[in-house]
Amino acid sequence: MNDALKGVRTHQHRLRKCTRCPAMTGPPVIGEPVVSPVLLLGQAPGSREIVEDRPFAWTAGRTLFEWFESIGLPESGFRRRVYMAAVCRCYPGKRPSGGDRVPARDEIANCAPWLEAELDLLRPRLILAAGRLAIGRLLPPARLDQLVGRLHPVTRGDLTLDVAPLPHPSGASPWHRTEPGRTLLTRALARIARHPAWREIAP
């Protein structure tokens, strides 16, 4: 086992034990221990992901993996070749009015060091940020139609990478199925497909 993979596995072992947020339902959901130049940043797992114990395990995942299969990497290959992270790693629970609760600021802050550690370990060259919460962790506030369809260079210390914002693939959101979202999603996937980091894992 090389040092990078050993570091990722040690990190994930620590992450699985995290209990910083009492209002969240765990244990934290993690992906495969992958050393990759590409990192997927989601928002937070749903109840199904907790049961299945893997990221994007339900309907939103099916849509997401259809997008990536269209540019050369089906779900099985994606899970083996892309590191899967999230803004929050535990399930926030339901809102009283229905739907999943948006994590609170302190919960996002509690989970932030796990992502920072992953960026230090992996030093990715491309981050796929799916959903507004994920995009907001990396880029200044803006409308989706101002962000999706472009690559955004980001510098964090001595690490420079590109962020590719994507809409959340939830069936509850019509954004990626109507204009201008449909065209901007197609443009975003085309830019991802041409990125050297993506071409390294999906030749």
C-alpha atoms as a PDB file:
ATOM      1  CA  MET A   1       0.000   0.000   0.000  1.00  0.00           C
ATOM      2  CA  ASN A   2       1.440   3.366  -0.994  1.00  0.00           C
ATOM      3  CA  ASP A   3       1.695   6.225   1.509  1.00  0.00           C
ATOM      4  CA  ALA A   4      -1.120   8.274  -0.057  1.00  0.00           C
ATOM      5  CA  LEU A   5      -3.624   5.411   0.106  1.00  0.00           C
ATOM      6  CA  LYS A   6      -2.554   4.585   3.649  1.00  0.00           C
ATOM      7  CA  GLY A   7      -3.132   8.216   4.602  1.00  0.00           C
ATOM      8  CA  VAL A   8      -6.628   8.210   3.074  1.00  0.00           C
ATOM      9  CA  ARG A   9      -7.585   5.018   4.903  1.00  0.00           C
ATOM     10  CA  THR A  10      -6.316   6.379   8.211  1.00  0.00           C
ATOM     11  CA  HIS A  11      -8.268   9.599   7.623  1.00  0.00           C
ATOM     12  CA  GLN A  12     -11.473   7.705   6.839  1.00  0.00           C
ATOM     13  CA  HIS A  13     -11.058   5.505   9.905  1.00  0.00           C
ATOM     14  CA  ARG A  14     -10.994   8.661  12.050  1.00  0.00           C
ATOM     15  CA  LEU A  15     -13.883  10.215  10.150  1.00  0.00           C
ATOM     16  CA  ARG A  16     -16.120   7.195  10.742  1.00  0.00           C
ATOM     17  CA  LYS A  17     -15.830   7.766  14.486  1.00  0.00           C
ATOM     18  CA  CYS A  18     -16.918  11.421  14.358  1.00  0.00           C
ATOM     19  CA  THR A  19     -19.795  12.377  16.699  1.00  0.00           C
ATOM     20  CA  ARG A  20     -19.418  16.162  16.720  1.00  0.00           C
ATOM     21  CA  CYS A  21     -23.021  16.947  15.763  1.00  0.00           C
ATOM     22  CA  PRO A  22     -25.652  15.490  18.142  1.00  0.00           C
ATOM     23  CA  ALA A  23     -28.594  16.503  15.924  1.00  0.00           C
ATOM     24  CA  MET A  24     -27.195  14.556  12.972  1.00  0.00           C
ATOM     25  CA  THR A  25     -27.798  10.860  12.267  1.00  0.00           C
ATOM     26  CA  GLY A  26     -24.637   8.870  11.652  1.00  0.00           C
ATOM     27  CA  PRO A  27     -22.319   7.192  11.317  1.00  0.00           C
ATOM     28  CA  PRO A  28     -20.638   9.432   8.742  1.00  0.00           C
ATOM     29  CA  VAL A  29     -21.076   8.210   5.171  1.00  0.00           C
ATOM     30  CA  ILE A  30     -17.836   7.801   3.242  1.00  0.00           C
ATOM     31  CA  GLY A  31     -16.877   6.657  -0.236  1.00  0.00           C
ATOM     32  CA  GLU A  32     -14.109   4.340  -1.345  1.00  0.00           C
ATOM     33  CA  PRO A  33     -10.574   5.129  -0.123  1.00  0.00           C
ATOM     34  CA  VAL A  34      -9.501   6.477  -3.492  1.00  0.00           C
ATOM     35  CA  VAL A  35      -6.381   8.472  -4.327  1.00  0.00           C
ATOM     36  CA  SER A  36      -7.623  10.606  -7.190  1.00  0.00           C
ATOM     37  CA  PRO A  37      -7.005  13.960  -8.911  1.00  0.00           C
ATOM     38  CA  VAL A  38     -10.811  14.424  -8.965  1.00  0.00           C
ATOM     39  CA  LEU A  39     -12.989  14.967  -5.891  1.00  0.00           C
ATOM     40  CA  LEU A  40     -16.782  15.011  -5.821  1.00  0.00           C
ATOM     41  CA  LEU A  41     -18.250  17.298  -3.157  1.00  0.00           C
ATOM     42  CA  GLY A  42     -21.890  16.633  -2.328  1.00  0.00           C
ATOM     43  CA  GLN A  43     -24.102  18.352   0.234  1.00  0.00           C
ATOM     44  CA  ALA A  44     -25.078  15.768   2.878  1.00  0.00           C
ATOM     45  CA  PRO A  45     -26.331  12.179   2.777  1.00  0.00           C
ATOM     46  CA  GLY A  46     -30.018  11.363   2.894  1.00  0.00           C
ATOM     47  CA  SER A  47     -31.675   8.694   4.985  1.00  0.00           C
ATOM     48  CA  ARG A  48     -31.143   6.102   2.277  1.00  0.00           C
ATOM     49  CA  GLU A  49     -27.409   6.775   2.157  1.00  0.00           C
ATOM     50  CA  ILE A  50     -27.221   6.049   5.902  1.00  0.00           C
ATOM     51  CA  VAL A  51     -28.943   2.694   5.337  1.00  0.00           C
ATOM     52  CA  GLU A  52     -26.846   1.793   2.288  1.00  0.00           C
ATOM     53  CA  ASP A  53     -23.675   3.258   3.841  1.00  0.00           C
ATOM     54  CA  ARG A  54     -22.433   4.880   0.660  1.00  0.00           C
ATOM     55  CA  PRO A  55     -22.755   8.317  -0.946  1.00  0.00           C
ATOM     56  CA  PHE A  56     -25.415   9.022  -3.590  1.00  0.00           C
ATOM     57  CA  ALA A  57     -27.056   5.629  -3.110  1.00  0.00           C
ATOM     58  CA  TRP A  58     -30.587   6.523  -4.152  1.00  0.00           C
ATOM     59  CA  THR A  59     -32.516   8.456  -6.801  1.00  0.00           C
ATOM     60  CA  ALA A  60     -30.299  11.553  -6.882  1.00  0.00           C
ATOM     61  CA  GLY A  61     -27.329   9.232  -7.298  1.00  0.00           C
ATOM     62  CA  ARG A  62     -28.884   7.550 -10.325  1.00  0.00           C
ATOM     63  CA  THR A  63     -29.242  10.921 -12.024  1.00  0.00           C
ATOM     64  CA  LEU A  64     -25.735  11.998 -11.028  1.00  0.00           C
ATOM     65  CA  PHE A  65     -24.122   8.842 -12.363  1.00  0.00           C
ATOM     66  CA  GLU A  66     -26.055   9.134 -15.625  1.00  0.00           C
ATOM     67  CA  TRP A  67     -24.381  12.519 -16.075  1.00  0.00           C
ATOM     68  CA  PHE A  68     -20.912  11.099 -15.518  1.00  0.00           C
ATOM     69  CA  GLU A  69     -21.548   8.016 -17.624  1.00  0.00           C
ATOM     70  CA  SER A  70     -22.381  10.357 -20.515  1.00  0.00           C
ATOM     71  CA  ILE A  71     -18.767  11.611 -20.363  1.00  0.00           C
ATOM     72  CA  GLY A  72     -17.097   8.243 -20.066  1.00  0.00           C
ATOM     73  CA  LEU A  73     -17.287   7.021 -16.471  1.00  0.00           C
ATOM     74  CA  PRO A  74     -20.156   4.773 -15.310  1.00  0.00           C
ATOM     75  CA  GLU A  75     -21.055   4.473 -11.640  1.00  0.00           C
ATOM     76  CA  SER A  76     -18.803   1.515 -10.804  1.00  0.00           C
ATOM     77  CA  GLY A  77     -15.797   3.209 -12.375  1.00  0.00           C
ATOM     78  CA  PHE A  78     -16.645   6.549 -10.805  1.00  0.00           C
ATOM     79  CA  ARG A  79     -16.784   5.072  -7.313  1.00  0.00           C
ATOM     80  CA  ARG A  80     -13.396   3.412  -7.838  1.00  0.00           C
ATOM     81  CA  ARG A  81     -11.669   6.428  -9.381  1.00  0.00           C
ATOM     82  CA  VAL A  82     -13.147   9.578  -7.817  1.00  0.00           C
ATOM     83  CA  TYR A  83     -12.928  10.508  -4.135  1.00  0.00           C
ATOM     84  CA  MET A  84     -16.438  11.197  -2.831  1.00  0.00           C
ATOM     85  CA  ALA A  85     -16.820  13.790  -0.063  1.00  0.00           C
ATOM     86  CA  ALA A  86     -19.589  16.055   1.244  1.00  0.00           C
ATOM     87  CA  VAL A  87     -20.091  19.299   3.113  1.00  0.00           C
ATOM     88  CA  CYS A  88     -21.631  17.260   5.946  1.00  0.00           C
ATOM     89  CA  ARG A  89     -21.096  13.519   6.245  1.00  0.00           C
ATOM     90  CA  CYS A  90     -24.085  12.602   8.447  1.00  0.00           C
ATOM     91  CA  TYR A  91     -27.816  12.798   7.742  1.00  0.00           C
ATOM     92  CA  PRO A  92     -29.331  16.088   8.976  1.00  0.00           C
ATOM     93  CA  GLY A  93     -32.842  14.636   9.405  1.00  0.00           C
ATOM     94  CA  LYS A  94     -36.196  15.965   8.244  1.00  0.00           C
ATOM     95  CA  ARG A  95     -37.643  19.459   8.521  1.00  0.00           C
ATOM     96  CA  PRO A  96     -40.971  19.733  10.377  1.00  0.00           C
ATOM     97  CA  SER A  97     -42.494  20.969   7.110  1.00  0.00           C
ATOM     98  CA  GLY A  98     -41.084  18.035   5.115  1.00  0.00           C
ATOM     99  CA  GLY A  99     -37.940  17.416   3.117  1.00  0.00           C
ATOM    100  CA  ASP A 100     -34.410  17.062   4.432  1.00  0.00           C
ATOM    101  CA  ARG A 101     -33.152  19.666   6.877  1.00  0.00           C
ATOM    102  CA  VAL A 102     -30.375  21.989   5.691  1.00  0.00           C
ATOM    103  CA  PRO A 103     -27.356  21.573   8.005  1.00  0.00           C
ATOM    104  CA  ALA A 104     -26.822  24.406  10.469  1.00  0.00           C
ATOM    105  CA  ARG A 105     -23.773  26.658  10.268  1.00  0.00           C
ATOM    106  CA  ASP A 106     -22.143  25.041  13.279  1.00  0.00           C
ATOM    107  CA  GLU A 107     -22.656  21.578  11.767  1.00  0.00           C
ATOM    108  CA  ILE A 108     -21.038  22.707   8.522  1.00  0.00           C
ATOM    109  CA  ALA A 109     -18.158  24.187  10.524  1.00  0.00           C
ATOM    110  CA  ASN A 110     -17.784  20.966  12.525  1.00  0.00           C
ATOM    111  CA  CYS A 111     -17.423  18.942   9.334  1.00  0.00           C
ATOM    112  CA  ALA A 112     -15.167  21.410   7.494  1.00  0.00           C
ATOM    113  CA  PRO A 113     -11.853  20.042   8.870  1.00  0.00           C
ATOM    114  CA  TRP A 114     -12.541  16.653   7.286  1.00  0.00           C
ATOM    115  CA  LEU A 115     -12.689  18.239   3.831  1.00  0.00           C
ATOM    116  CA  GLU A 116      -9.617  20.348   4.527  1.00  0.00           C
ATOM    117  CA  ALA A 117      -7.719  17.198   5.510  1.00  0.00           C
ATOM    118  CA  GLU A 118      -8.828  15.507   2.281  1.00  0.00           C
ATOM    119  CA  LEU A 119      -7.630  18.425   0.191  1.00  0.00           C
ATOM    120  CA  ASP A 120      -4.258  18.232   1.942  1.00  0.00           C
ATOM    121  CA  LEU A 121      -4.036  14.460   1.453  1.00  0.00           C
ATOM    122  CA  LEU A 122      -5.259  14.236  -2.132  1.00  0.00           C
ATOM    123  CA  ARG A 123      -4.346  17.648  -3.578  1.00  0.00           C
ATOM    124  CA  PRO A 124      -7.062  17.282  -6.245  1.00  0.00           C
ATOM    125  CA  ARG A 125      -6.863  19.241  -9.490  1.00  0.00           C
ATOM    126  CA  LEU A 126     -10.614  19.178 -10.146  1.00  0.00           C
ATOM    127  CA  ILE A 127     -13.543  19.369  -7.699  1.00  0.00           C
ATOM    128  CA  LEU A 128     -17.057  18.556  -8.881  1.00  0.00           C
ATOM    129  CA  ALA A 129     -19.344  20.534  -6.562  1.00  0.00           C
ATOM    130  CA  ALA A 130     -22.918  19.207  -6.713  1.00  0.00           C
ATOM    131  CA  GLY A 131     -25.573  21.477  -5.273  1.00  0.00           C
ATOM    132  CA  ARG A 132     -25.691  24.984  -3.825  1.00  0.00           C
ATOM    133  CA  LEU A 133     -24.378  24.014  -0.406  1.00  0.00           C
ATOM    134  CA  ALA A 134     -21.334  22.314  -1.920  1.00  0.00           C
ATOM    135  CA  ILE A 135     -20.710  25.135  -4.373  1.00  0.00           C
ATOM    136  CA  GLY A 136     -20.926  27.657  -1.544  1.00  0.00           C
ATOM    137  CA  ARG A 137     -18.129  25.912   0.348  1.00  0.00           C
ATOM    138  CA  LEU A 138     -15.727  26.715  -2.483  1.00  0.00           C
ATOM    139  CA  LEU A 139     -16.989  29.760  -4.396  1.00  0.00           C
ATOM    140  CA  PRO A 140     -18.461  33.183  -3.560  1.00  0.00           C
ATOM    141  CA  PRO A 141     -22.278  33.433  -3.584  1.00  0.00           C
ATOM    142  CA  ALA A 142     -23.871  33.683  -7.031  1.00  0.00           C
ATOM    143  CA  ARG A 143     -26.835  32.325  -8.954  1.00  0.00           C
ATOM    144  CA  LEU A 144     -26.518  28.840 -10.437  1.00  0.00           C
ATOM    145  CA  ASP A 145     -26.835  30.211 -13.958  1.00  0.00           C
ATOM    146  CA  GLN A 146     -23.767  32.367 -13.277  1.00  0.00           C
ATOM    147  CA  LEU A 147     -21.709  29.399 -12.054  1.00  0.00           C
ATOM    148  CA  VAL A 148     -22.717  26.185 -13.827  1.00  0.00           C
ATOM    149  CA  GLY A 149     -21.102  25.623 -17.221  1.00  0.00           C
ATOM    150  CA  ARG A 150     -17.748  27.153 -16.292  1.00  0.00           C
ATOM    151  CA  LEU A 151     -14.582  26.048 -14.546  1.00  0.00           C
ATOM    152  CA  HIS A 152     -13.582  28.290 -11.645  1.00  0.00           C
ATOM    153  CA  PRO A 153      -9.906  28.390 -10.609  1.00  0.00           C
ATOM    154  CA  VAL A 154      -9.502  28.328  -6.825  1.00  0.00           C
ATOM    155  CA  THR A 155      -6.329  28.713  -4.778  1.00  0.00           C
ATOM    156  CA  ARG A 156      -6.151  27.306  -1.257  1.00  0.00           C
ATOM    157  CA  GLY A 157      -2.708  27.907   0.222  1.00  0.00           C
ATOM    158  CA  ASP A 158      -0.244  26.368  -2.213  1.00  0.00           C
ATOM    159  CA  LEU A 159      -2.943  24.280  -3.918  1.00  0.00           C
ATOM    160  CA  THR A 160      -4.536  25.534  -7.139  1.00  0.00           C
ATOM    161  CA  LEU A 161      -7.467  23.613  -8.573  1.00  0.00           C
ATOM    162  CA  ASP A 162     -10.553  24.006 -10.743  1.00  0.00           C
ATOM    163  CA  VAL A 163     -14.093  23.849  -9.381  1.00  0.00           C
ATOM    164  CA  ALA A 164     -16.842  22.627 -11.707  1.00  0.00           C
ATOM    165  CA  PRO A 165     -20.217  23.601 -10.176  1.00  0.00           C
ATOM    166  CA  LEU A 166     -23.130  21.273 -10.913  1.00  0.00           C
ATOM    167  CA  PRO A 167     -26.803  21.498  -9.979  1.00  0.00           C
ATOM    168  CA  HIS A 168     -28.019  19.073  -7.360  1.00  0.00           C
ATOM    169  CA  PRO A 169     -29.356  15.964  -9.128  1.00  0.00           C
ATOM    170  CA  SER A 170     -32.391  15.689  -6.854  1.00  0.00           C
ATOM    171  CA  GLY A 171     -35.675  14.855  -8.527  1.00  0.00           C
ATOM    172  CA  ALA A 172     -37.253  17.594  -6.415  1.00  0.00           C
ATOM    173  CA  SER A 173     -35.311  20.241  -8.331  1.00  0.00           C
ATOM    174  CA  PRO A 174     -36.366  21.036 -11.917  1.00  0.00           C
ATOM    175  CA  TRP A 175     -33.321  23.270 -12.524  1.00  0.00           C
ATOM    176  CA  HIS A 176     -31.268  20.763 -14.527  1.00  0.00           C
ATOM    177  CA  ARG A 177     -34.293  19.685 -16.586  1.00  0.00           C
ATOM    178  CA  THR A 178     -35.385  23.149 -17.763  1.00  0.00           C
ATOM    179  CA  GLU A 179     -33.621  26.013 -19.501  1.00  0.00           C
ATOM    180  CA  PRO A 180     -31.117  27.488 -19.009  1.00  0.00           C
ATOM    181  CA  GLY A 181     -30.150  24.704 -16.597  1.00  0.00           C
ATOM    182  CA  ARG A 182     -30.265  21.917 -19.172  1.00  0.00           C
ATOM    183  CA  THR A 183     -27.914  23.717 -21.558  1.00  0.00           C
ATOM    184  CA  LEU A 184     -25.570  24.837 -18.764  1.00  0.00           C
ATOM    185  CA  LEU A 185     -25.358  21.296 -17.363  1.00  0.00           C
ATOM    186  CA  THR A 186     -24.425  19.973 -20.816  1.00  0.00           C
ATOM    187  CA  ARG A 187     -21.768  22.676 -21.065  1.00  0.00           C
ATOM    188  CA  ALA A 188     -20.434  21.861 -17.595  1.00  0.00           C
ATOM    189  CA  LEU A 189     -20.122  18.149 -18.384  1.00  0.00           C
ATOM    190  CA  ALA A 190     -18.300  18.933 -21.626  1.00  0.00           C
ATOM    191  CA  ARG A 191     -15.797  21.087 -19.751  1.00  0.00           C
ATOM    192  CA  ILE A 192     -15.288  18.360 -17.148  1.00  0.00           C
ATOM    193  CA  ALA A 193     -14.727  15.793 -19.896  1.00  0.00           C
ATOM    194  CA  ARG A 194     -11.939  17.922 -21.393  1.00  0.00           C
ATOM    195  CA  HIS A 195     -10.198  18.584 -18.081  1.00  0.00           C
ATOM    196  CA  PRO A 196      -6.781  16.859 -17.802  1.00  0.00           C
ATOM    197  CA  ALA A 197      -7.651  15.421 -14.368  1.00  0.00           C
ATOM    198  CA  TRP A 198     -10.825  13.826 -15.728  1.00  0.00           C
ATOM    199  CA  ARG A 199      -9.038  12.497 -18.784  1.00  0.00           C
ATOM    200  CA  GLU A 200      -6.502  10.895 -16.456  1.00  0.00           C
ATOM    201  CA  ILE A 201      -9.189   8.780 -14.767  1.00  0.00           C
ATOM    202  CA  ALA A 202     -11.559   8.365 -17.721  1.00  0.00           C
ATOM    203  CA  PRO A 203      -9.380   8.072 -20.812  1.00  0.00           C
END
